[in-house]
Amino acid sequence: MWLEVTGGAFTRADWEATPDDGRRYELLDGAIIVTPAPGKPHQRMALRLGLLLDDAAPDSVEVFPLPIKPGAVDRGHPRA
């Protein structure tokens, strides 16, 4: 289920100012799309999949358990 927040042309600055409340905020063609936080079954599956991907990934690739905002990755640190 998703909810589209309307009422104007939202910008990247608006998107970056969204709260860290467990919901996912996306900016699409000037609209902010809000998705509720996933439930336990989804989180359990995502964790297991993430662990499998991390085990299979080469050292040059980092696997993150959650979506991250653009620019949030520190490219200066090698994978531990």
C-alpha atoms as a PDB file:
ATOM      1  CA  MET A   1       0.000   0.000   0.000  1.00  0.00           C
ATOM      2  CA  TRP A   2       1.264   3.470  -0.807  1.00  0.00           C
ATOM      3  CA  LEU A   3       0.099   7.027  -0.295  1.00  0.00           C
ATOM      4  CA  GLU A   4       0.957   9.862  -2.632  1.00  0.00           C
ATOM      5  CA  VAL A   5       1.410  13.227  -0.921  1.00  0.00           C
ATOM      6  CA  THR A   6       0.236  15.945  -3.293  1.00  0.00           C
ATOM      7  CA  GLY A   7      -0.184  19.684  -3.165  1.00  0.00           C
ATOM      8  CA  GLY A   8       2.707  21.030  -5.182  1.00  0.00           C
ATOM      9  CA  ALA A   9       5.934  20.310  -6.921  1.00  0.00           C
ATOM     10  CA  PHE A  10       8.203  18.769  -4.310  1.00  0.00           C
ATOM     11  CA  THR A  11      11.973  19.064  -4.687  1.00  0.00           C
ATOM     12  CA  ARG A  12      14.968  17.016  -3.620  1.00  0.00           C
ATOM     13  CA  ALA A  13      15.333  19.396  -0.653  1.00  0.00           C
ATOM     14  CA  ASP A  14      11.774  18.522   0.428  1.00  0.00           C
ATOM     15  CA  TRP A  15      12.559  14.829   0.087  1.00  0.00           C
ATOM     16  CA  GLU A  16      15.776  15.172   2.089  1.00  0.00           C
ATOM     17  CA  ALA A  17      13.785  16.872   4.865  1.00  0.00           C
ATOM     18  CA  THR A  18      11.409  13.916   5.289  1.00  0.00           C
ATOM     19  CA  PRO A  19      11.333  12.428   8.808  1.00  0.00           C
ATOM     20  CA  ASP A  20      13.168   9.277   9.814  1.00  0.00           C
ATOM     21  CA  ASP A  21       9.999   7.526  10.975  1.00  0.00           C
ATOM     22  CA  GLY A  22      10.379   4.040   9.509  1.00  0.00           C
ATOM     23  CA  ARG A  23       8.409   4.809   6.362  1.00  0.00           C
ATOM     24  CA  ARG A  24       9.973   5.029   2.911  1.00  0.00           C
ATOM     25  CA  TYR A  25       9.781   8.369   1.122  1.00  0.00           C
ATOM     26  CA  GLU A  26      10.377   8.575  -2.628  1.00  0.00           C
ATOM     27  CA  LEU A  27      10.371  11.583  -4.934  1.00  0.00           C
ATOM     28  CA  LEU A  28       8.740  10.832  -8.283  1.00  0.00           C
ATOM     29  CA  ASP A  29       7.957  13.548 -10.831  1.00  0.00           C
ATOM     30  CA  GLY A  30       7.473  16.184  -8.129  1.00  0.00           C
ATOM     31  CA  ALA A  31       5.334  13.984  -5.867  1.00  0.00           C
ATOM     32  CA  ILE A  32       6.480  12.416  -2.612  1.00  0.00           C
ATOM     33  CA  ILE A  33       5.395   8.784  -2.340  1.00  0.00           C
ATOM     34  CA  VAL A  34       5.152   7.418   1.209  1.00  0.00           C
ATOM     35  CA  THR A  35       5.258   3.679   1.850  1.00  0.00           C
ATOM     36  CA  PRO A  36       4.591   2.166   5.296  1.00  0.00           C
ATOM     37  CA  ALA A  37       7.327   0.300   7.122  1.00  0.00           C
ATOM     38  CA  PRO A  38       7.542  -3.393   6.159  1.00  0.00           C
ATOM     39  CA  GLY A  39       6.258  -6.090   8.518  1.00  0.00           C
ATOM     40  CA  LYS A  40       8.156  -8.923  10.208  1.00  0.00           C
ATOM     41  CA  PRO A  41       7.915 -11.495   7.371  1.00  0.00           C
ATOM     42  CA  HIS A  42       9.362  -9.008   4.892  1.00  0.00           C
ATOM     43  CA  GLN A  43      12.140  -7.970   7.284  1.00  0.00           C
ATOM     44  CA  ARG A  44      13.025 -11.612   8.022  1.00  0.00           C
ATOM     45  CA  MET A  45      13.256 -12.449   4.305  1.00  0.00           C
ATOM     46  CA  ALA A  46      15.242  -9.288   3.560  1.00  0.00           C
ATOM     47  CA  LEU A  47      17.762 -10.128   6.296  1.00  0.00           C
ATOM     48  CA  ARG A  48      18.280 -13.665   5.019  1.00  0.00           C
ATOM     49  CA  LEU A  49      18.624 -12.478   1.431  1.00  0.00           C
ATOM     50  CA  GLY A  50      21.049  -9.745   2.493  1.00  0.00           C
ATOM     51  CA  LEU A  51      23.245 -12.248   4.326  1.00  0.00           C
ATOM     52  CA  LEU A  52      23.325 -14.528   1.281  1.00  0.00           C
ATOM     53  CA  LEU A  53      24.192 -11.629  -1.014  1.00  0.00           C
ATOM     54  CA  ASP A  54      26.891 -10.373   1.355  1.00  0.00           C
ATOM     55  CA  ASP A  55      28.500 -13.827   1.498  1.00  0.00           C
ATOM     56  CA  ALA A  56      28.507 -14.039  -2.314  1.00  0.00           C
ATOM     57  CA  ALA A  57      29.600 -10.458  -3.027  1.00  0.00           C
ATOM     58  CA  PRO A  58      33.191  -9.670  -4.013  1.00  0.00           C
ATOM     59  CA  ASP A  59      35.186  -7.472  -1.626  1.00  0.00           C
ATOM     60  CA  SER A  60      34.605  -4.459  -3.883  1.00  0.00           C
ATOM     61  CA  VAL A  61      30.806  -4.614  -3.334  1.00  0.00           C
ATOM     62  CA  GLU A  62      28.945  -3.609  -0.175  1.00  0.00           C
ATOM     63  CA  VAL A  63      25.509  -5.026   0.637  1.00  0.00           C
ATOM     64  CA  PHE A  64      23.201  -2.805   2.702  1.00  0.00           C
ATOM     65  CA  PRO A  65      20.110  -4.097   4.521  1.00  0.00           C
ATOM     66  CA  LEU A  66      18.084  -0.939   3.868  1.00  0.00           C
ATOM     67  CA  PRO A  67      17.702   1.591   1.087  1.00  0.00           C
ATOM     68  CA  ILE A  68      20.030   4.526   1.589  1.00  0.00           C
ATOM     69  CA  LYS A  69      19.747   8.098   0.436  1.00  0.00           C
ATOM     70  CA  PRO A  70      21.975   9.093  -2.497  1.00  0.00           C
ATOM     71  CA  GLY A  71      25.385  10.256  -1.340  1.00  0.00           C
ATOM     72  CA  ALA A  72      25.122   8.434   1.991  1.00  0.00           C
ATOM     73  CA  VAL A  73      27.707   5.806   1.037  1.00  0.00           C
ATOM     74  CA  ASP A  74      31.235   6.551   2.219  1.00  0.00           C
ATOM     75  CA  ARG A  75      33.242   5.435  -0.772  1.00  0.00           C
ATOM     76  CA  GLY A  76      36.503   6.042   1.063  1.00  0.00           C
ATOM     77  CA  HIS A  77      36.229   2.994   3.303  1.00  0.00           C
ATOM     78  CA  PRO A  78      36.866  -0.494   1.958  1.00  0.00           C
ATOM     79  CA  ARG A  79      34.506  -3.279   2.903  1.00  0.00           C
ATOM     80  CA  ALA A  80      35.471  -4.821   6.232  1.00  0.00           C
END
